Amino acid sequence: MTEQNPKPFLYVVVCAAGIAAGVGRLIAAAQESGWEVGVIATPVAASGFFDVGAVEAQTGRPIRSAWRTPADPRPFPSPDAVLVAPATFNTINKWAAGTADTLALGTLCEAYGLGVPTAVLPCVGEALAAHPAYRASLVRLGEMGVRFGEPYSGEVQEDGGRPAFGWEAGLALLDRI
């Protein structure tokens, strides 16, 4: 009997943006595409920006938002890819600067050093996107090989609604292993 390769493992990093409530759509699309998924959330995102219990049930794994102690077992295998969605102004700038003061940021900084394919779906309003530090961060991350989806500002449209967030588009940015 031959041993089958396990499914590739995708880390989904979720930041604190209102649109984060829809992360279940991304998880479902990833699972349908053959990925196993683990979610790492910024501490603020995990404090009420999405339904933690529903996401844990959907992935079958705990949401990670804090460092584990050396004695704690690793709840996720090493990633085959990382997708940051939604990615906020704060996370993008801190990541580009090499700041690893949360588990989410430490994971993103480490992914580069490990050569893990990483994609980002930015969710940044127009006023913040105009800041020179943000523009420089996009350039730096791009030079690191990070792949970017279409930016999402969440600005209200003429009809009073907001555009849909391209959750599934993030998967297309990743090369399958």
C-alpha atoms as a PDB file:
ATOM      1  CA  MET A   1       0.000   0.000   0.000  1.00  0.00           C
ATOM      2  CA  THR A   2       1.381   3.416  -0.926  1.00  0.00           C
ATOM      3  CA  GLU A   3       1.166   6.360   1.396  1.00  0.00           C
ATOM      4  CA  GLN A   4      -0.709   9.385   0.050  1.00  0.00           C
ATOM      5  CA  ASN A   5       0.680  12.863   0.457  1.00  0.00           C
ATOM      6  CA  PRO A   6      -1.287  14.936   2.947  1.00  0.00           C
ATOM      7  CA  LYS A   7      -3.185  17.971   1.748  1.00  0.00           C
ATOM      8  CA  PRO A   8      -1.121  21.146   1.486  1.00  0.00           C
ATOM      9  CA  PHE A   9      -1.482  23.345   4.561  1.00  0.00           C
ATOM     10  CA  LEU A  10      -2.529  26.999   4.237  1.00  0.00           C
ATOM     11  CA  TYR A  11      -2.100  29.535   7.022  1.00  0.00           C
ATOM     12  CA  VAL A  12      -4.772  32.226   6.783  1.00  0.00           C
ATOM     13  CA  VAL A  13      -3.744  35.341   8.698  1.00  0.00           C
ATOM     14  CA  VAL A  14      -6.758  37.476   9.601  1.00  0.00           C
ATOM     15  CA  CYS A  15      -6.440  41.139  10.583  1.00  0.00           C
ATOM     16  CA  ALA A  16      -8.897  43.434  12.370  1.00  0.00           C
ATOM     17  CA  ALA A  17     -11.075  44.833   9.582  1.00  0.00           C
ATOM     18  CA  GLY A  18     -14.855  44.744   9.450  1.00  0.00           C
ATOM     19  CA  ILE A  19     -14.738  42.498   6.408  1.00  0.00           C
ATOM     20  CA  ALA A  20     -12.993  39.791   8.491  1.00  0.00           C
ATOM     21  CA  ALA A  21     -16.454  38.510   9.459  1.00  0.00           C
ATOM     22  CA  GLY A  22     -16.570  36.820   6.036  1.00  0.00           C
ATOM     23  CA  VAL A  23     -13.366  34.771   6.423  1.00  0.00           C
ATOM     24  CA  GLY A  24     -15.414  31.581   6.371  1.00  0.00           C
ATOM     25  CA  ARG A  25     -15.893  32.094   2.625  1.00  0.00           C
ATOM     26  CA  LEU A  26     -12.129  31.979   2.104  1.00  0.00           C
ATOM     27  CA  ILE A  27     -11.769  28.899   4.276  1.00  0.00           C
ATOM     28  CA  ALA A  28     -14.535  27.095   2.380  1.00  0.00           C
ATOM     29  CA  ALA A  29     -12.983  27.983  -0.996  1.00  0.00           C
ATOM     30  CA  ALA A  30      -9.545  26.839   0.194  1.00  0.00           C
ATOM     31  CA  GLN A  31     -10.907  23.558   1.489  1.00  0.00           C
ATOM     32  CA  GLU A  32     -12.796  22.971  -1.776  1.00  0.00           C
ATOM     33  CA  SER A  33      -9.493  23.564  -3.604  1.00  0.00           C
ATOM     34  CA  GLY A  34      -7.751  20.866  -1.579  1.00  0.00           C
ATOM     35  CA  TRP A  35      -6.109  22.909   1.176  1.00  0.00           C
ATOM     36  CA  GLU A  36      -6.143  22.141   4.858  1.00  0.00           C
ATOM     37  CA  VAL A  37      -6.475  25.462   6.706  1.00  0.00           C
ATOM     38  CA  GLY A  38      -5.268  26.918   9.993  1.00  0.00           C
ATOM     39  CA  VAL A  39      -6.167  30.464  11.046  1.00  0.00           C
ATOM     40  CA  ILE A  40      -3.835  32.869  12.802  1.00  0.00           C
ATOM     41  CA  ALA A  41      -5.505  36.107  13.852  1.00  0.00           C
ATOM     42  CA  THR A  42      -4.106  39.349  15.120  1.00  0.00           C
ATOM     43  CA  PRO A  43      -5.106  39.768  18.775  1.00  0.00           C
ATOM     44  CA  VAL A  44      -7.600  42.509  17.910  1.00  0.00           C
ATOM     45  CA  ALA A  45      -9.134  40.473  15.060  1.00  0.00           C
ATOM     46  CA  ALA A  46      -9.636  37.526  17.430  1.00  0.00           C
ATOM     47  CA  SER A  47     -11.405  39.753  19.933  1.00  0.00           C
ATOM     48  CA  GLY A  48     -14.626  40.079  17.933  1.00  0.00           C
ATOM     49  CA  PHE A  49     -14.020  40.768  14.259  1.00  0.00           C
ATOM     50  CA  PHE A  50     -15.124  37.256  13.225  1.00  0.00           C
ATOM     51  CA  ASP A  51     -16.879  34.288  14.800  1.00  0.00           C
ATOM     52  CA  VAL A  52     -13.988  32.375  16.362  1.00  0.00           C
ATOM     53  CA  GLY A  53     -16.144  29.360  17.280  1.00  0.00           C
ATOM     54  CA  ALA A  54     -17.548  29.027  13.763  1.00  0.00           C
ATOM     55  CA  VAL A  55     -14.072  29.240  12.204  1.00  0.00           C
ATOM     56  CA  GLU A  56     -12.678  26.679  14.637  1.00  0.00           C
ATOM     57  CA  ALA A  57     -15.546  24.327  13.738  1.00  0.00           C
ATOM     58  CA  GLN A  58     -14.969  24.933  10.025  1.00  0.00           C
ATOM     59  CA  THR A  59     -11.216  24.245  10.162  1.00  0.00           C
ATOM     60  CA  GLY A  60     -11.252  21.658  12.955  1.00  0.00           C
ATOM     61  CA  ARG A  61      -8.384  23.552  14.585  1.00  0.00           C
ATOM     62  CA  PRO A  62      -8.019  26.270  17.221  1.00  0.00           C
ATOM     63  CA  ILE A  63      -7.584  29.886  16.175  1.00  0.00           C
ATOM     64  CA  ARG A  64      -4.082  31.013  17.036  1.00  0.00           C
ATOM     65  CA  SER A  65      -3.454  34.576  18.164  1.00  0.00           C
ATOM     66  CA  ALA A  66      -0.879  34.228  20.919  1.00  0.00           C
ATOM     67  CA  TRP A  67       2.529  32.635  21.213  1.00  0.00           C
ATOM     68  CA  ARG A  68       2.655  29.110  22.573  1.00  0.00           C
ATOM     69  CA  THR A  69       5.118  28.101  25.262  1.00  0.00           C
ATOM     70  CA  PRO A  70       7.971  25.759  24.296  1.00  0.00           C
ATOM     71  CA  ALA A  71       6.207  22.952  26.182  1.00  0.00           C
ATOM     72  CA  ASP A  72       2.970  23.359  24.189  1.00  0.00           C
ATOM     73  CA  PRO A  73       2.496  21.158  21.134  1.00  0.00           C
ATOM     74  CA  ARG A  74       2.425  22.781  17.699  1.00  0.00           C
ATOM     75  CA  PRO A  75      -1.254  23.014  16.725  1.00  0.00           C
ATOM     76  CA  PHE A  76      -0.504  23.421  12.994  1.00  0.00           C
ATOM     77  CA  PRO A  77       1.964  21.758  10.657  1.00  0.00           C
ATOM     78  CA  SER A  78       4.418  23.974   8.788  1.00  0.00           C
ATOM     79  CA  PRO A  79       2.692  25.985   6.054  1.00  0.00           C
ATOM     80  CA  ASP A  80       2.899  25.302   2.350  1.00  0.00           C
ATOM     81  CA  ALA A  81       1.543  28.822   1.762  1.00  0.00           C
ATOM     82  CA  VAL A  82       0.272  31.849   3.691  1.00  0.00           C
ATOM     83  CA  LEU A  83      -2.613  34.132   2.756  1.00  0.00           C
ATOM     84  CA  VAL A  84      -3.203  37.372   4.663  1.00  0.00           C
ATOM     85  CA  ALA A  85      -6.834  38.412   4.313  1.00  0.00           C
ATOM     86  CA  PRO A  86      -7.911  41.001   5.123  1.00  0.00           C
ATOM     87  CA  ALA A  87      -4.541  42.710   5.497  1.00  0.00           C
ATOM     88  CA  THR A  88      -4.699  46.045   7.291  1.00  0.00           C
ATOM     89  CA  PHE A  89      -2.526  49.162   7.099  1.00  0.00           C
ATOM     90  CA  ASN A  90      -0.978  48.361  10.474  1.00  0.00           C
ATOM     91  CA  THR A  91      -0.106  44.764   9.665  1.00  0.00           C
ATOM     92  CA  ILE A  92       1.328  45.570   6.233  1.00  0.00           C
ATOM     93  CA  ASN A  93       3.551  48.336   7.597  1.00  0.00           C
ATOM     94  CA  LYS A  94       4.777  46.389  10.622  1.00  0.00           C
ATOM     95  CA  TRP A  95       5.455  43.299   8.510  1.00  0.00           C
ATOM     96  CA  ALA A  96       7.466  45.261   5.950  1.00  0.00           C
ATOM     97  CA  ALA A  97       9.482  46.804   8.794  1.00  0.00           C
ATOM     98  CA  GLY A  98      10.260  43.356  10.217  1.00  0.00           C
ATOM     99  CA  THR A  99       8.272  43.896  13.413  1.00  0.00           C
ATOM    100  CA  ALA A 100       7.239  40.598  14.965  1.00  0.00           C
ATOM    101  CA  ASP A 101       5.381  41.720  18.078  1.00  0.00           C
ATOM    102  CA  THR A 102       2.393  39.389  17.572  1.00  0.00           C
ATOM    103  CA  LEU A 103       2.129  35.777  16.492  1.00  0.00           C
ATOM    104  CA  ALA A 104       0.570  36.891  13.191  1.00  0.00           C
ATOM    105  CA  LEU A 105       3.450  39.251  12.399  1.00  0.00           C
ATOM    106  CA  GLY A 106       6.084  36.801  13.594  1.00  0.00           C
ATOM    107  CA  THR A 107       4.586  34.163  11.325  1.00  0.00           C
ATOM    108  CA  LEU A 108       4.651  36.535   8.339  1.00  0.00           C
ATOM    109  CA  CYS A 109       8.246  37.593   8.995  1.00  0.00           C
ATOM    110  CA  GLU A 110       9.326  33.975   9.363  1.00  0.00           C
ATOM    111  CA  ALA A 111       7.499  32.851   6.196  1.00  0.00           C
ATOM    112  CA  TYR A 112       9.835  35.011   4.122  1.00  0.00           C
ATOM    113  CA  GLY A 113      12.934  33.422   5.648  1.00  0.00           C
ATOM    114  CA  LEU A 114      11.502  29.956   5.058  1.00  0.00           C
ATOM    115  CA  GLY A 115      10.630  30.686   1.428  1.00  0.00           C
ATOM    116  CA  VAL A 116       6.916  30.034   1.967  1.00  0.00           C
ATOM    117  CA  PRO A 117       4.740  31.520  -0.815  1.00  0.00           C
ATOM    118  CA  THR A 118       2.744  34.394   0.658  1.00  0.00           C
ATOM    119  CA  ALA A 119      -0.161  36.379  -0.741  1.00  0.00           C
ATOM    120  CA  VAL A 120      -2.038  39.399   0.567  1.00  0.00           C
ATOM    121  CA  LEU A 121      -5.495  40.860   0.074  1.00  0.00           C
ATOM    122  CA  PRO A 122      -5.078  44.443   1.342  1.00  0.00           C
ATOM    123  CA  CYS A 123      -8.034  46.085   3.066  1.00  0.00           C
ATOM    124  CA  VAL A 124      -6.955  49.699   3.503  1.00  0.00           C
ATOM    125  CA  GLY A 125      -9.025  52.868   3.142  1.00  0.00           C
ATOM    126  CA  GLU A 126      -7.972  55.450   0.578  1.00  0.00           C
ATOM    127  CA  ALA A 127      -6.743  57.982   3.163  1.00  0.00           C
ATOM    128  CA  LEU A 128      -4.394  55.457   4.773  1.00  0.00           C
ATOM    129  CA  ALA A 129      -3.338  54.030   1.399  1.00  0.00           C
ATOM    130  CA  ALA A 130      -2.091  57.505   0.465  1.00  0.00           C
ATOM    131  CA  HIS A 131       0.440  57.486   3.307  1.00  0.00           C
ATOM    132  CA  PRO A 132       4.044  57.231   2.032  1.00  0.00           C
ATOM    133  CA  ALA A 133       4.947  54.553   4.595  1.00  0.00           C
ATOM    134  CA  TYR A 134       2.216  52.298   3.198  1.00  0.00           C
ATOM    135  CA  ARG A 135       3.360  52.741  -0.372  1.00  0.00           C
ATOM    136  CA  ALA A 136       6.948  51.975   0.668  1.00  0.00           C
ATOM    137  CA  SER A 137       5.760  48.880   2.561  1.00  0.00           C
ATOM    138  CA  LEU A 138       4.013  47.549  -0.546  1.00  0.00           C
ATOM    139  CA  VAL A 139       7.211  47.997  -2.539  1.00  0.00           C
ATOM    140  CA  ARG A 140       9.322  46.262   0.103  1.00  0.00           C
ATOM    141  CA  LEU A 141       6.957  43.327   0.451  1.00  0.00           C
ATOM    142  CA  GLY A 142       6.757  43.032  -3.327  1.00  0.00           C
ATOM    143  CA  GLU A 143      10.552  42.871  -3.462  1.00  0.00           C
ATOM    144  CA  MET A 144      10.318  40.018  -0.934  1.00  0.00           C
ATOM    145  CA  GLY A 145       8.136  38.079  -3.373  1.00  0.00           C
ATOM    146  CA  VAL A 146       4.816  38.706  -1.641  1.00  0.00           C
ATOM    147  CA  ARG A 147       1.915  38.528  -4.101  1.00  0.00           C
ATOM    148  CA  PHE A 148      -0.853  41.122  -3.884  1.00  0.00           C
ATOM    149  CA  GLY A 149      -4.518  40.933  -4.768  1.00  0.00           C
ATOM    150  CA  GLU A 150      -6.611  43.912  -5.740  1.00  0.00           C
ATOM    151  CA  PRO A 151      -6.730  46.459  -2.925  1.00  0.00           C
ATOM    152  CA  TYR A 152     -10.058  46.786  -1.133  1.00  0.00           C
ATOM    153  CA  SER A 153     -10.927  50.120   0.419  1.00  0.00           C
ATOM    154  CA  GLY A 154     -14.460  49.232   1.484  1.00  0.00           C
ATOM    155  CA  GLU A 155     -15.584  52.679   0.345  1.00  0.00           C
ATOM    156  CA  VAL A 156     -19.347  53.090   0.025  1.00  0.00           C
ATOM    157  CA  GLN A 157     -20.559  52.886  -3.577  1.00  0.00           C
ATOM    158  CA  GLU A 158     -23.115  55.181  -5.213  1.00  0.00           C
ATOM    159  CA  ASP A 159     -25.935  52.739  -4.381  1.00  0.00           C
ATOM    160  CA  GLY A 160     -24.980  52.899  -0.687  1.00  0.00           C
ATOM    161  CA  GLY A 161     -23.529  49.379  -0.600  1.00  0.00           C
ATOM    162  CA  ARG A 162     -19.960  48.233  -0.409  1.00  0.00           C
ATOM    163  CA  PRO A 163     -18.178  46.135  -3.016  1.00  0.00           C
ATOM    164  CA  ALA A 164     -17.697  42.443  -2.344  1.00  0.00           C
ATOM    165  CA  PHE A 165     -14.339  41.425  -0.909  1.00  0.00           C
ATOM    166  CA  GLY A 166     -12.427  39.056  -3.217  1.00  0.00           C
ATOM    167  CA  TRP A 167     -11.805  36.240  -0.732  1.00  0.00           C
ATOM    168  CA  GLU A 168     -11.437  33.563  -3.388  1.00  0.00           C
ATOM    169  CA  ALA A 169      -9.077  35.698  -5.489  1.00  0.00           C
ATOM    170  CA  GLY A 170      -6.407  35.272  -2.831  1.00  0.00           C
ATOM    171  CA  LEU A 171      -6.144  31.571  -3.580  1.00  0.00           C
ATOM    172  CA  ALA A 172      -5.363  32.290  -7.227  1.00  0.00           C
ATOM    173  CA  LEU A 173      -2.286  34.225  -6.095  1.00  0.00           C
ATOM    174  CA  LEU A 174      -0.716  31.150  -4.561  1.00  0.00           C
ATOM    175  CA  ASP A 175       1.214  28.571  -6.502  1.00  0.00           C
ATOM    176  CA  ARG A 176      -0.002  25.141  -5.540  1.00  0.00           C
ATOM    177  CA  ILE A 177       2.680  22.888  -4.163  1.00  0.00           C
END
